[in-house]
C-alpha cells in the first residue's frame, strides 16, 4: 500500500461514527506480540471496534454487541491476524478496553 492509499484509508476510518467510549486501552503481551508479528496497526482495529465493525463474530454476537452499545453491556470484537485472532473487549461500564488473544481470556 502506498502513502496516498494509507492516508485515504485513515481519512475514511476517521470519518466513521464513534459508537461508545473506550475508557483506558490496555493490551496483553500476547496481543502486542501478534500485532507486531502481523505488522498490524492496533489503532485501526480499535477504531473499527469503536465504530461498530465487530470483525468476524457470529451473527448472534454481532446482534448482542449492537444491543450492548445502547444498553451498556460488554462489547467483544474479533479480528483475524494471519492464522490467529485478536479480541478487543470493552467493559460494560466503559472503563477499559482490552486487546487480547482468545486463549488469554
N, C-alpha and C. Protein backbone atom coordinates (compact mmCIF):
# COMPACT_ATOMS: atom_id res chain seq x y z
N UNK A 1 0.85 -1.17 0.00
CA UNK A 1 0.00 0.00 0.00
C UNK A 1 0.90 1.23 0.00
N UNK A 2 0.59 2.19 -0.86
CA UNK A 2 1.42 3.39 -0.90
C UNK A 2 0.90 4.44 0.09
N UNK A 3 1.67 5.52 0.25
CA UNK A 3 1.34 6.55 1.25
C UNK A 3 -0.03 7.17 0.99
N UNK A 4 -0.36 7.43 -0.28
CA UNK A 4 -1.66 8.03 -0.59
C UNK A 4 -2.80 7.09 -0.22
N UNK A 5 -2.64 5.80 -0.49
CA UNK A 5 -3.67 4.82 -0.14
C UNK A 5 -3.85 4.73 1.37
N UNK A 6 -2.72 4.74 2.10
CA UNK A 6 -2.78 4.69 3.55
C UNK A 6 -3.50 5.91 4.11
N UNK A 7 -3.22 7.09 3.56
CA UNK A 7 -3.86 8.31 4.04
C UNK A 7 -5.35 8.28 3.75
N UNK A 8 -5.74 7.79 2.55
CA UNK A 8 -7.16 7.68 2.21
C UNK A 8 -7.88 6.74 3.18
N UNK A 9 -7.22 5.62 3.51
CA UNK A 9 -7.81 4.67 4.45
C UNK A 9 -7.96 5.31 5.82
N UNK A 10 -6.95 6.04 6.28
CA UNK A 10 -7.03 6.72 7.57
C UNK A 10 -8.13 7.77 7.58
N UNK A 11 -8.25 8.54 6.49
CA UNK A 11 -9.29 9.55 6.39
C UNK A 11 -10.67 8.90 6.45
N UNK A 12 -10.84 7.78 5.75
CA UNK A 12 -12.11 7.07 5.73
C UNK A 12 -12.45 6.54 7.12
N UNK A 13 -11.44 5.97 7.80
CA UNK A 13 -11.68 5.44 9.13
C UNK A 13 -12.04 6.55 10.12
N UNK A 14 -11.37 7.69 10.02
CA UNK A 14 -11.62 8.76 10.98
C UNK A 14 -12.99 9.39 10.79
N UNK A 15 -13.61 9.17 9.62
CA UNK A 15 -14.93 9.74 9.38
C UNK A 15 -16.05 8.82 9.88
N UNK A 16 -15.72 7.62 10.35
CA UNK A 16 -16.73 6.70 10.85
C UNK A 16 -17.24 7.16 12.21
N UNK A 17 -18.45 6.80 12.51
CA UNK A 17 -19.10 7.21 13.74
C UNK A 17 -18.53 6.46 14.94
N UNK A 18 -18.29 7.19 16.01
CA UNK A 18 -17.88 6.58 17.26
C UNK A 18 -19.15 6.19 18.00
N UNK A 19 -19.26 4.90 18.34
CA UNK A 19 -20.50 4.39 18.94
C UNK A 19 -20.48 4.39 20.47
N UNK A 20 -19.28 4.37 21.08
CA UNK A 20 -19.19 4.26 22.54
C UNK A 20 -17.79 4.65 22.98
N UNK A 21 -17.64 5.06 24.25
CA UNK A 21 -16.30 5.38 24.77
C UNK A 21 -15.52 4.10 25.07
N UNK A 22 -14.20 4.19 25.01
CA UNK A 22 -13.35 3.03 25.21
C UNK A 22 -12.77 2.93 26.61
N UNK A 23 -12.71 4.03 27.33
CA UNK A 23 -12.01 4.02 28.62
C UNK A 23 -10.52 3.86 28.40
N UNK A 24 -9.84 3.33 29.40
CA UNK A 24 -8.40 3.09 29.29
C UNK A 24 -8.15 1.91 28.35
N UNK A 25 -7.25 2.06 27.41
CA UNK A 25 -6.93 0.99 26.47
C UNK A 25 -5.68 0.27 26.95
N UNK A 26 -5.80 -1.05 27.08
CA UNK A 26 -4.68 -1.88 27.51
C UNK A 26 -4.56 -3.08 26.57
N UNK A 27 -3.38 -3.69 26.56
CA UNK A 27 -3.15 -4.86 25.72
C UNK A 27 -2.29 -5.86 26.46
N UNK A 28 -2.57 -7.13 26.24
CA UNK A 28 -1.77 -8.19 26.84
C UNK A 28 -0.47 -8.35 26.04
N UNK A 29 0.53 -8.96 26.65
CA UNK A 29 1.77 -9.22 25.90
C UNK A 29 1.53 -10.06 24.64
N UNK A 30 0.62 -11.03 24.74
CA UNK A 30 0.32 -11.87 23.58
C UNK A 30 -0.28 -11.07 22.44
N UNK A 31 -1.18 -10.14 22.78
CA UNK A 31 -1.79 -9.30 21.75
C UNK A 31 -0.76 -8.40 21.10
N UNK A 32 0.12 -7.82 21.91
CA UNK A 32 1.16 -6.95 21.36
C UNK A 32 2.10 -7.73 20.44
N UNK A 33 2.44 -8.95 20.84
CA UNK A 33 3.32 -9.78 20.00
C UNK A 33 2.64 -10.13 18.68
N UNK A 34 1.35 -10.47 18.72
CA UNK A 34 0.61 -10.80 17.50
C UNK A 34 0.54 -9.59 16.57
N UNK A 35 0.22 -8.42 17.11
CA UNK A 35 0.17 -7.21 16.29
C UNK A 35 1.52 -6.94 15.65
N UNK A 36 2.59 -7.14 16.40
CA UNK A 36 3.94 -6.93 15.87
C UNK A 36 4.25 -7.93 14.76
N UNK A 37 4.00 -9.21 15.02
CA UNK A 37 4.25 -10.25 14.01
C UNK A 37 3.47 -10.00 12.73
N UNK A 38 2.22 -9.57 12.88
CA UNK A 38 1.36 -9.34 11.73
C UNK A 38 1.51 -7.96 11.11
N UNK A 39 2.37 -7.12 11.70
CA UNK A 39 2.56 -5.74 11.24
C UNK A 39 1.22 -5.01 11.11
N UNK A 40 0.39 -5.17 12.14
CA UNK A 40 -0.95 -4.59 12.15
C UNK A 40 -0.96 -3.40 13.11
N UNK A 41 -1.57 -2.31 12.68
CA UNK A 41 -1.71 -1.12 13.48
C UNK A 41 -2.90 -1.30 14.43
N UNK A 42 -2.62 -1.35 15.71
CA UNK A 42 -3.68 -1.55 16.70
C UNK A 42 -4.74 -0.46 16.63
N UNK A 43 -4.32 0.76 16.33
CA UNK A 43 -5.27 1.88 16.28
C UNK A 43 -6.36 1.65 15.25
N UNK A 44 -6.02 1.03 14.13
CA UNK A 44 -7.03 0.79 13.09
C UNK A 44 -8.06 -0.23 13.56
N UNK A 45 -7.63 -1.25 14.30
CA UNK A 45 -8.58 -2.24 14.82
C UNK A 45 -9.43 -1.64 15.93
N UNK A 46 -8.83 -0.83 16.78
CA UNK A 46 -9.58 -0.18 17.85
C UNK A 46 -10.64 0.73 17.24
N UNK A 47 -10.29 1.44 16.18
CA UNK A 47 -11.25 2.34 15.52
C UNK A 47 -12.40 1.54 14.92
N UNK A 48 -12.09 0.40 14.31
CA UNK A 48 -13.14 -0.46 13.76
C UNK A 48 -14.09 -0.90 14.88
N UNK A 49 -13.51 -1.35 15.98
CA UNK A 49 -14.29 -1.79 17.14
C UNK A 49 -15.20 -0.67 17.63
N UNK A 50 -14.64 0.51 17.81
CA UNK A 50 -15.40 1.63 18.36
C UNK A 50 -16.49 2.14 17.40
N UNK A 51 -16.30 1.88 16.11
CA UNK A 51 -17.30 2.35 15.14
C UNK A 51 -18.36 1.29 14.81
N UNK A 52 -18.31 0.14 15.49
CA UNK A 52 -19.34 -0.88 15.30
C UNK A 52 -19.02 -1.94 14.26
N UNK A 53 -17.77 -2.01 13.81
CA UNK A 53 -17.33 -3.09 12.93
C UNK A 53 -16.76 -4.17 13.85
N UNK A 54 -17.55 -5.19 14.10
CA UNK A 54 -17.19 -6.20 15.09
C UNK A 54 -16.24 -7.26 14.56
N UNK A 55 -15.83 -7.15 13.31
CA UNK A 55 -14.90 -8.14 12.74
C UNK A 55 -15.63 -9.43 12.44
N UNK A 56 -14.98 -10.54 12.77
CA UNK A 56 -15.52 -11.86 12.47
C UNK A 56 -16.12 -12.48 13.73
N UNK A 57 -17.32 -12.04 14.07
CA UNK A 57 -18.06 -12.66 15.16
C UNK A 57 -19.32 -13.28 14.57
N UNK A 58 -19.86 -14.30 15.21
CA UNK A 58 -21.11 -14.88 14.71
C UNK A 58 -22.23 -13.83 14.72
N UNK A 59 -23.22 -14.01 13.85
CA UNK A 59 -24.32 -13.03 13.77
C UNK A 59 -24.99 -12.74 15.11
N UNK A 60 -25.16 -13.77 15.92
CA UNK A 60 -25.82 -13.54 17.22
C UNK A 60 -24.95 -12.68 18.15
N UNK A 61 -23.62 -12.81 18.03
CA UNK A 61 -22.73 -11.96 18.83
C UNK A 61 -22.74 -10.53 18.31
N UNK A 62 -22.82 -10.36 17.00
CA UNK A 62 -22.92 -9.02 16.42
C UNK A 62 -24.20 -8.33 16.90
N UNK A 63 -25.29 -9.08 16.92
CA UNK A 63 -26.57 -8.53 17.43
C UNK A 63 -26.44 -8.15 18.90
N UNK A 64 -25.79 -9.01 19.67
CA UNK A 64 -25.59 -8.71 21.09
C UNK A 64 -24.73 -7.46 21.27
N UNK A 65 -23.70 -7.31 20.44
CA UNK A 65 -22.87 -6.10 20.50
C UNK A 65 -23.70 -4.85 20.20
N UNK A 66 -24.53 -4.93 19.17
CA UNK A 66 -25.39 -3.78 18.82
C UNK A 66 -26.29 -3.42 19.99
N UNK A 67 -26.86 -4.44 20.62
CA UNK A 67 -27.70 -4.23 21.80
C UNK A 67 -26.88 -3.62 22.94
N UNK A 68 -25.66 -4.13 23.11
CA UNK A 68 -24.79 -3.70 24.21
C UNK A 68 -24.35 -2.25 24.08
N UNK A 69 -24.19 -1.77 22.86
CA UNK A 69 -23.82 -0.37 22.66
C UNK A 69 -24.89 0.53 23.27
N UNK A 70 -26.13 0.19 23.04
CA UNK A 70 -27.25 1.00 23.51
C UNK A 70 -27.52 0.79 25.00
N UNK A 71 -27.34 -0.44 25.47
CA UNK A 71 -27.76 -0.80 26.82
C UNK A 71 -26.62 -0.93 27.83
N UNK A 72 -25.41 -0.61 27.42
CA UNK A 72 -24.30 -0.58 28.36
C UNK A 72 -23.79 -1.92 28.82
N UNK A 73 -23.75 -2.91 27.93
CA UNK A 73 -23.17 -4.21 28.25
C UNK A 73 -21.78 -4.33 27.62
N UNK A 74 -21.10 -5.41 27.93
CA UNK A 74 -19.76 -5.66 27.40
C UNK A 74 -19.82 -5.85 25.88
N UNK A 75 -18.78 -5.38 25.20
CA UNK A 75 -18.71 -5.47 23.73
C UNK A 75 -17.45 -6.23 23.35
N UNK A 76 -17.60 -7.21 22.44
CA UNK A 76 -16.48 -8.04 22.00
C UNK A 76 -16.38 -8.03 20.49
N UNK A 77 -15.20 -7.70 19.99
CA UNK A 77 -14.90 -7.82 18.56
C UNK A 77 -13.80 -8.84 18.37
N UNK A 78 -13.74 -9.42 17.18
CA UNK A 78 -12.73 -10.44 16.88
C UNK A 78 -12.19 -10.20 15.47
N UNK A 79 -10.87 -10.05 15.38
CA UNK A 79 -10.25 -9.74 14.08
C UNK A 79 -9.17 -10.77 13.77
N UNK A 80 -9.19 -11.33 12.55
CA UNK A 80 -8.14 -12.27 12.18
C UNK A 80 -6.84 -11.52 11.87
N UNK A 81 -5.76 -12.09 12.35
CA UNK A 81 -4.42 -11.61 12.00
C UNK A 81 -3.63 -12.85 11.63
N UNK A 82 -3.41 -13.03 10.35
CA UNK A 82 -2.78 -14.26 9.88
C UNK A 82 -3.66 -15.44 10.25
N UNK A 83 -3.07 -16.44 10.87
CA UNK A 83 -3.82 -17.63 11.31
C UNK A 83 -4.42 -17.46 12.70
N UNK A 84 -4.15 -16.34 13.33
CA UNK A 84 -4.58 -16.10 14.70
C UNK A 84 -5.73 -15.10 14.75
N UNK A 85 -6.23 -14.87 15.97
CA UNK A 85 -7.32 -13.91 16.20
C UNK A 85 -6.90 -12.97 17.31
N UNK A 86 -7.37 -11.75 17.18
CA UNK A 86 -7.22 -10.76 18.23
C UNK A 86 -8.61 -10.35 18.68
N UNK A 87 -8.83 -10.40 19.97
CA UNK A 87 -10.10 -9.94 20.53
C UNK A 87 -9.91 -8.54 21.08
N UNK A 88 -10.94 -7.72 20.96
CA UNK A 88 -11.00 -6.43 21.62
C UNK A 88 -12.29 -6.43 22.45
N UNK A 89 -12.13 -6.21 23.74
CA UNK A 89 -13.28 -6.23 24.65
C UNK A 89 -13.37 -4.90 25.38
N UNK A 90 -14.52 -4.26 25.27
CA UNK A 90 -14.79 -3.05 26.05
C UNK A 90 -15.74 -3.45 27.18
N UNK A 91 -15.36 -3.10 28.40
CA UNK A 91 -16.15 -3.46 29.58
C UNK A 91 -17.50 -2.74 29.59
N UNK A 92 -18.44 -3.33 30.27
CA UNK A 92 -19.80 -2.80 30.32
C UNK A 92 -19.84 -1.37 30.84
N UNK A 93 -18.99 -1.05 31.83
CA UNK A 93 -19.00 0.30 32.38
C UNK A 93 -18.15 1.28 31.57
N UNK A 94 -17.59 0.78 30.46
CA UNK A 94 -16.77 1.58 29.53
C UNK A 94 -15.52 2.15 30.20
N UNK A 95 -15.07 1.52 31.28
CA UNK A 95 -13.88 1.98 31.98
C UNK A 95 -12.60 1.55 31.28
N UNK A 96 -12.67 0.45 30.51
CA UNK A 96 -11.47 -0.02 29.83
C UNK A 96 -11.81 -0.86 28.61
N UNK A 97 -10.83 -0.90 27.72
CA UNK A 97 -10.89 -1.74 26.53
C UNK A 97 -9.59 -2.52 26.47
N UNK A 98 -9.70 -3.83 26.29
CA UNK A 98 -8.52 -4.70 26.32
C UNK A 98 -8.35 -5.40 24.99
N UNK A 99 -7.12 -5.40 24.49
CA UNK A 99 -6.74 -6.18 23.32
C UNK A 99 -6.07 -7.43 23.86
N UNK A 100 -6.54 -8.61 23.43
CA UNK A 100 -6.02 -9.86 23.95
C UNK A 100 -6.24 -10.98 22.95
N UNK A 101 -5.56 -12.09 23.20
CA UNK A 101 -5.77 -13.30 22.41
C UNK A 101 -6.88 -14.10 23.09
N UNK A 102 -7.66 -14.86 22.34
CA UNK A 102 -8.75 -15.64 22.95
C UNK A 102 -8.27 -16.53 24.08
N UNK A 103 -7.08 -17.13 23.93
CA UNK A 103 -6.59 -18.03 24.98
C UNK A 103 -6.14 -17.26 26.24
N UNK A 104 -6.06 -15.95 26.17
CA UNK A 104 -5.70 -15.14 27.33
C UNK A 104 -6.93 -14.69 28.12
N UNK A 105 -8.11 -15.01 27.62
CA UNK A 105 -9.34 -14.59 28.27
C UNK A 105 -9.56 -15.33 29.57
